[in-house]
Each structure stands twice: as C-alpha cells, then as structure tokens.
C-alpha cells in the first residue's frame, strides 16, 4: 500500500522504527476505545487544538473492509487458524493447520471438521486475495479531518457504512493484515505531533506515547450515538439492530487474537457516557498538560 498524507508521499518501505527514541513519542497522543465511544470526534478536535497531525486508524481498516466488500470477500471468525502466522507468504502453508480448540470440541464430528477445513480454505483464499488488493491500493488522506481517497476515488462516506465496518472488524482480526498495516500507520508520526484513535494505538502501534487514553461509554449510549449518525446520513434504521451490531463489534474487537482492544495501567481511562464532547476534550488535554 502507498500513502499520500496531506501532500507527502510514503510507501510501506519508509518505516518509522519501533525503536524510536523517547523524545519522539513525546508528541504522540493515542485514544483507543470501542465503537462509537466518540474517540474519532474527540481526536480530531484535540489534534486541531494542538496543531497536531491526525490519524484515523479506523479509516485505514475500513478501506480494507471496502476492498473486501467490493470483491465479495468474507472472513469466518469461527474457524480462524492463521493468526499465528507472521508474514503473508505463510498463509498458503497454513492450509493444513488445525484449530486445536475447535477440533477438541468437535473431535467426534467428521462433518464439523470438514466444514471447518472448508471455512479455513475460504479464509486463506480471501486473505491472499485481500493482501494482493492492498498491495495495489494507494490511500490518500486529503485533509486533516477525515478525507480519504483510494486510487483517486473519494471513499470518505462509503467506508463509514455498517457493512464495510463489519468487514473491517472481521479482517482486522487477522494478524497478517494488522502486521502489514503496523508500520504503515507509524508513518503518520511526524512533526509537530500526532493524535490518533483506534483500538490498538496505545497497546501496539505507539506503546510509548506520551499520553494513552482509553475512551469508553455504555453500549446503550454508544448505540444511540451511532443511530443518530446513521439517521443523519439518510439511513433508515432502528436502535435494536444498531445495539446488536455494537455488541457484536465489541466482542470481535475484544476477543480477537491479534491486537485485541484492551488497556492497562499505562492508560488513562475515561467513561464519557454522561459528559459532553467538549468536556471530554478538556479532560484529555488537561492530562497531556
């Protein structure tokens, strides 16, 4: 994948080393959290207030989801056996690998085992195809507040659809894909500083950032926020399926083997269920200061 960041060109060979010096991390703020916690909105506002660059990591994964959607690629989360692989070339070598937990449960069921093998084969084919598509995709972030194009096409709105979001969540559980995008995301870290939001920004991508925030809210509050967002974009939806999707995304993001959504004592935790966006921003900036 290639990246054009506000007029500056990068390729996946132009990496920022994981061994960056401490001073280089002093200008990085990460905001992780579950779907619809407001992390994207908050991160954009903070970046603008500080004059920092902004990385919406979710947009990158949503581009991957869009590539999958347009090419009819899906991923079966129940039969994943590729998350221990370290590189794309190893995918084909895993075709005969067994998911030990799955086989232990279904050891007496030939049909279940055959179905699992079939699903695994489909997963491997989808991943290989998706990796090829990613290699031929150029992503451009046209502004510092969310404009995204791929291969010259503006996809800023379409990547926010629910179908693309669910595929993004599915394929983001694949270790090979996350590893491929890891250094790609680190290319965003340059002067005068960076504010980034996602699900593993503080735990994996920038583990030594100056400030790492875990932003959350109750599932019901987050579903209401997502409902309003969808309705404003013209979609006709009700709260029940939206809440169901929120809970499904929470499970996928938290239980995946590769870089799950999590936080530890190095994070500042903020529940913004009952406070405004402005109050959320002010609290986080006060932590940085």
Protein backbone atom coordinates (compact mmCIF):
# COMPACT_ATOMS: atom_id res chain seq x y z
CA UNK A 1 0.00 0.00 0.00
CA UNK A 2 1.13 3.54 -0.60
CA UNK A 3 0.18 6.57 1.43
CA UNK A 4 -0.22 10.22 0.49
CA UNK A 5 -0.51 12.15 3.74
CA UNK A 6 -1.62 15.73 3.19
CA UNK A 7 0.59 16.01 0.13
CA UNK A 8 3.55 13.98 1.46
CA UNK A 9 4.18 10.62 -0.20
CA UNK A 10 5.13 7.48 1.71
CA UNK A 11 5.42 3.81 0.83
CA UNK A 12 5.35 0.85 3.18
CA UNK A 13 9.16 0.73 2.86
CA UNK A 14 9.51 4.10 4.55
CA UNK A 15 9.01 2.91 8.10
CA UNK A 16 9.43 4.64 11.41
CA UNK A 17 11.34 2.23 13.57
CA UNK A 18 9.63 0.66 16.61
CA UNK A 19 12.78 1.69 18.48
CA UNK A 20 12.02 5.40 18.29
CA UNK A 21 13.67 7.49 20.97
CA UNK A 22 11.60 8.65 23.93
CA UNK A 23 11.62 12.25 22.74
CA UNK A 24 9.92 11.17 19.52
CA UNK A 25 6.98 9.79 21.49
CA UNK A 26 6.51 12.98 23.50
CA UNK A 27 4.30 14.41 20.74
CA UNK A 28 2.00 11.41 20.35
CA UNK A 29 -1.46 11.08 21.93
CA UNK A 30 -3.39 7.83 21.42
CA UNK A 31 -7.11 7.42 22.04
CA UNK A 32 -8.39 3.85 21.96
CA UNK A 33 -11.86 2.59 22.67
CA UNK A 34 -14.86 0.60 21.43
CA UNK A 35 -17.10 1.54 18.52
CA UNK A 36 -18.99 4.85 18.83
CA UNK A 37 -17.23 5.92 22.01
CA UNK A 38 -16.58 9.27 20.34
CA UNK A 39 -12.85 8.72 20.03
CA UNK A 40 -12.68 9.89 16.41
CA UNK A 41 -14.51 13.14 17.03
CA UNK A 42 -12.51 13.81 20.18
CA UNK A 43 -9.18 13.01 18.50
CA UNK A 44 -9.91 15.37 15.58
CA UNK A 45 -10.78 18.24 17.92
CA UNK A 46 -7.70 17.68 20.07
CA UNK A 47 -5.45 17.49 17.00
CA UNK A 48 -6.89 20.80 15.75
CA UNK A 49 -6.48 22.48 19.13
CA UNK A 50 -2.87 21.33 19.46
CA UNK A 51 -1.99 21.85 15.80
CA UNK A 52 -1.01 18.17 15.52
CA UNK A 53 -1.48 15.69 12.70
CA UNK A 54 -4.41 13.31 12.96
CA UNK A 55 -4.55 9.59 12.17
CA UNK A 56 -7.91 7.84 11.96
CA UNK A 57 -6.63 4.26 12.03
CA UNK A 58 -10.19 3.02 11.66
CA UNK A 59 -10.35 4.63 8.22
CA UNK A 60 -7.39 2.53 7.10
CA UNK A 61 -9.07 -0.67 8.24
CA UNK A 62 -12.34 0.47 6.71
CA UNK A 63 -10.52 0.85 3.38
CA UNK A 64 -9.50 -2.79 3.79
CA UNK A 65 -13.15 -3.60 4.56
CA UNK A 66 -14.24 -1.75 1.42
CA UNK A 67 -11.78 -3.71 -0.70
CA UNK A 68 -13.23 -6.91 0.76
CA UNK A 69 -16.82 -5.76 0.21
CA UNK A 70 -16.26 -4.79 -3.42
CA UNK A 71 -14.56 -8.09 -4.16
CA UNK A 72 -17.09 -10.29 -2.35
CA UNK A 73 -14.57 -11.42 0.25
CA UNK A 74 -15.69 -12.52 3.70
CA UNK A 75 -13.99 -13.99 6.74
CA UNK A 76 -15.32 -16.71 9.04
CA UNK A 77 -14.31 -15.74 12.58
CA UNK A 78 -15.29 -19.15 13.98
CA UNK A 79 -12.66 -21.06 12.01
CA UNK A 80 -9.61 -18.85 12.17
CA UNK A 81 -6.25 -20.65 12.16
CA UNK A 82 -3.98 -18.05 10.59
CA UNK A 83 -3.47 -15.57 13.41
CA UNK A 84 -0.18 -17.13 14.50
CA UNK A 85 1.43 -16.51 11.12
CA UNK A 86 4.00 -13.77 10.83
CA UNK A 87 4.02 -12.94 7.15
CA UNK A 88 1.81 -13.02 4.08
CA UNK A 89 3.88 -15.74 2.38
CA UNK A 90 2.97 -18.12 5.21
CA UNK A 91 -0.77 -18.07 4.51
CA UNK A 92 -0.73 -20.86 1.96
CA UNK A 93 1.42 -23.01 4.27
CA UNK A 94 -1.36 -22.95 6.87
CA UNK A 95 -3.96 -24.71 4.75
CA UNK A 96 -3.47 -27.98 6.62
CA UNK A 97 -3.14 -26.46 10.09
CA UNK A 98 -5.75 -27.34 12.68
CA UNK A 99 -7.52 -25.07 15.13
CA UNK A 100 -6.83 -27.09 18.28
CA UNK A 101 -9.67 -25.63 20.32
CA UNK A 102 -12.19 -26.21 17.55
CA UNK A 103 -11.07 -29.78 16.87
CA UNK A 104 -11.13 -30.62 20.59
CA UNK A 105 -14.78 -29.65 20.78
CA UNK A 106 -15.77 -31.47 17.59
CA UNK A 107 -13.41 -34.43 17.71
CA UNK A 108 -16.23 -36.92 17.05
CA UNK A 109 -17.84 -34.95 14.24
CA UNK A 110 -16.44 -35.58 10.77
CA UNK A 111 -18.93 -33.14 9.28
CA UNK A 112 -17.88 -30.37 11.66
CA UNK A 113 -14.22 -30.98 10.88
CA UNK A 114 -14.88 -30.96 7.15
CA UNK A 115 -16.85 -27.74 7.45
CA UNK A 116 -14.05 -26.19 9.47
CA UNK A 117 -11.46 -27.17 6.85
CA UNK A 118 -13.68 -25.74 4.13
CA UNK A 119 -14.10 -22.48 6.04
CA UNK A 120 -10.37 -22.29 6.69
CA UNK A 121 -9.64 -22.75 2.99
CA UNK A 122 -12.10 -19.96 2.19
CA UNK A 123 -10.46 -17.76 4.82
CA UNK A 124 -7.00 -18.33 3.36
CA UNK A 125 -8.20 -17.58 -0.16
CA UNK A 126 -9.90 -14.38 0.99
CA UNK A 127 -6.82 -13.22 2.91
CA UNK A 128 -4.48 -13.91 0.00
CA UNK A 129 -6.76 -12.01 -2.37
CA UNK A 130 -7.12 -9.12 0.05
CA UNK A 131 -3.36 -8.86 0.56
CA UNK A 132 -2.93 -8.63 -3.22
CA UNK A 133 -5.55 -5.89 -3.41
CA UNK A 134 -3.85 -3.98 -0.60
CA UNK A 135 -0.53 -4.12 -2.46
CA UNK A 136 -2.17 -2.35 -5.39
CA UNK A 137 -4.04 0.28 -3.40
CA UNK A 138 -2.95 3.87 -2.90
CA UNK A 139 -4.54 5.67 0.06
CA UNK A 140 -4.63 9.44 0.22
CA UNK A 141 -5.69 11.46 3.26
CA UNK A 142 -6.69 14.70 1.62
CA UNK A 143 -7.32 16.76 4.76
CA UNK A 144 -6.50 16.58 8.45
CA UNK A 145 -10.10 15.79 9.39
CA UNK A 146 -11.01 12.64 7.56
CA UNK A 147 -11.00 12.96 3.76
CA UNK A 148 -9.97 9.62 2.25
CA UNK A 149 -9.41 8.51 -1.33
CA UNK A 150 -8.24 5.17 -2.70
CA UNK A 151 -6.68 5.06 -6.14
CA UNK A 152 -8.08 8.54 -6.77
CA UNK A 153 -11.67 7.76 -5.69
CA UNK A 154 -13.20 9.65 -2.77
CA UNK A 155 -14.45 6.99 -0.35
CA UNK A 156 -14.82 9.17 2.75
CA UNK A 157 -18.54 8.39 3.10
CA UNK A 158 -18.85 4.84 1.82
CA UNK A 159 -16.24 3.46 4.22
CA UNK A 160 -18.48 4.55 7.11
CA UNK A 161 -21.31 2.16 6.14
CA UNK A 162 -22.26 -0.63 8.52
CA UNK A 163 -21.45 -3.43 6.04
CA UNK A 164 -17.96 -2.09 5.41
CA UNK A 165 -17.46 -1.55 9.13
CA UNK A 166 -18.30 -5.15 9.97
CA UNK A 167 -15.93 -6.46 7.30
CA UNK A 168 -13.24 -4.11 8.57
CA UNK A 169 -13.70 -5.54 12.06
CA UNK A 170 -13.55 -9.12 10.76
CA UNK A 171 -10.40 -8.72 8.68
CA UNK A 172 -8.72 -6.54 11.31
CA UNK A 173 -8.67 -9.69 13.48
CA UNK A 174 -6.15 -11.26 11.09
CA UNK A 175 -2.58 -10.93 12.39
CA UNK A 176 -1.02 -10.80 8.91
CA UNK A 177 -3.18 -7.87 7.90
CA UNK A 178 -2.53 -5.98 11.12
CA UNK A 179 1.20 -6.55 10.80
CA UNK A 180 1.14 -5.31 7.21
CA UNK A 181 -0.52 -2.08 8.34
CA UNK A 182 1.52 -1.57 11.51
CA UNK A 183 4.46 0.33 10.08
CA UNK A 184 2.17 1.96 7.55
CA UNK A 185 0.39 3.65 10.45
CA UNK A 186 3.64 4.68 12.09
CA UNK A 187 4.42 6.79 9.02
CA UNK A 188 1.91 9.32 10.35
CA UNK A 189 4.14 10.22 13.29
CA UNK A 190 5.97 13.38 12.31
CA UNK A 191 6.29 16.98 13.46
CA UNK A 192 4.67 18.84 15.06
CA UNK A 193 2.92 15.85 16.68
CA UNK A 194 0.21 13.24 16.27
CA UNK A 195 -3.20 12.47 17.75
CA UNK A 196 -4.52 9.08 16.73
CA UNK A 197 -7.56 6.98 17.54
CA UNK A 198 -8.27 3.29 17.12
CA UNK A 199 -8.30 0.08 19.07
CA UNK A 200 -4.61 -0.76 19.47
CA UNK A 201 -2.92 2.61 19.02
CA UNK A 202 -1.62 2.72 22.59
CA UNK A 203 -1.16 -1.01 23.13
CA UNK A 204 0.61 -1.91 19.86
CA UNK A 205 1.25 0.89 17.37
CA UNK A 206 2.57 3.59 19.73
CA UNK A 207 3.07 1.79 23.08
CA UNK A 208 5.34 4.54 24.45
CA UNK A 209 3.15 7.51 23.54
CA UNK A 210 3.21 10.50 25.88
CA UNK A 211 -0.49 10.06 26.65
CA UNK A 212 -2.56 6.92 26.11
CA UNK A 213 -6.32 7.24 26.64
CA UNK A 214 -8.98 4.53 26.76
CA UNK A 215 -12.28 6.22 25.95
CA UNK A 216 -15.49 4.31 26.53
CA UNK A 217 -19.24 4.60 27.19
CA UNK A 218 -22.06 2.17 27.87
CA UNK A 219 -23.23 0.06 24.89
CA UNK A 220 -26.67 1.69 25.04
CA UNK A 221 -25.24 5.22 24.87
CA UNK A 222 -22.92 4.24 22.05
CA UNK A 223 -25.79 2.66 20.12
CA UNK A 224 -27.81 5.86 20.46
CA UNK A 225 -24.89 7.88 19.11
CA UNK A 226 -24.44 5.52 16.17
CA UNK A 227 -28.17 5.59 15.44
CA UNK A 228 -28.15 9.39 15.20
CA UNK A 229 -25.09 9.27 12.95
CA UNK A 230 -26.75 6.79 10.59
CA UNK A 231 -30.03 8.69 10.51
CA UNK A 232 -28.22 11.93 9.68
CA UNK A 233 -26.59 10.17 6.74
CA UNK A 234 -30.03 9.18 5.45
CA UNK A 235 -30.16 5.55 6.56
CA UNK A 236 -33.46 4.20 7.90
CA UNK A 237 -32.54 2.18 11.00
CA UNK A 238 -33.82 1.45 14.50
CA UNK A 239 -31.99 1.11 17.80
CA UNK A 240 -32.28 -2.69 18.14
CA UNK A 241 -30.07 -3.75 15.19
CA UNK A 242 -27.66 -0.91 15.91
CA UNK A 243 -27.19 -2.06 19.51
CA UNK A 244 -26.79 -5.64 18.30
CA UNK A 245 -24.05 -4.53 15.90
CA UNK A 246 -22.32 -2.54 18.64
CA UNK A 247 -22.25 -5.59 20.91
CA UNK A 248 -21.02 -7.79 18.05
CA UNK A 249 -18.21 -5.32 17.26
CA UNK A 250 -17.26 -5.19 20.95
CA UNK A 251 -16.96 -8.98 21.04
CA UNK A 252 -14.98 -9.17 17.81
CA UNK A 253 -12.58 -6.41 18.83
CA UNK A 254 -12.02 -7.63 22.38
CA UNK A 255 -11.73 -11.37 21.74
CA UNK A 256 -9.59 -11.42 18.59
CA UNK A 257 -6.15 -12.97 18.95
CA UNK A 258 -4.31 -10.23 17.05
CA UNK A 259 -4.02 -6.90 18.90
CA UNK A 260 -7.33 -7.07 20.79
CA UNK A 261 -8.99 -3.97 22.16
CA UNK A 262 -7.57 -3.62 25.68
CA UNK A 263 -5.91 -1.26 28.12
CA UNK A 264 -3.63 -1.49 31.13
CA UNK A 265 -2.31 0.72 33.92
CA UNK A 266 -0.39 2.87 31.43
CA UNK A 267 -3.70 4.22 30.06
CA UNK A 268 -5.90 6.99 31.37
CA UNK A 269 -9.48 5.66 31.34
CA UNK A 270 -12.42 7.97 30.66
CA UNK A 271 -16.10 6.98 30.52
CA UNK A 272 -17.92 9.74 28.65
CA UNK A 273 -21.43 8.26 28.88
CA UNK A 274 -22.67 11.31 30.78
CA UNK A 275 -20.37 14.12 29.68
CA UNK A 276 -20.20 16.19 26.52
CA UNK A 277 -17.64 16.07 23.73
CA UNK A 278 -16.20 19.40 24.85
CA UNK A 279 -15.84 18.15 28.41
CA UNK A 280 -14.16 15.00 27.13
CA UNK A 281 -11.70 17.07 25.09
CA UNK A 282 -10.89 19.35 28.02
CA UNK A 283 -10.19 16.41 30.34
CA UNK A 284 -7.83 14.73 27.89
CA UNK A 285 -5.93 17.95 27.14
CA UNK A 286 -5.58 18.56 30.88
CA UNK A 287 -3.98 15.11 31.19
CA UNK A 288 -1.48 15.97 28.48
CA UNK A 289 -0.56 19.23 30.16
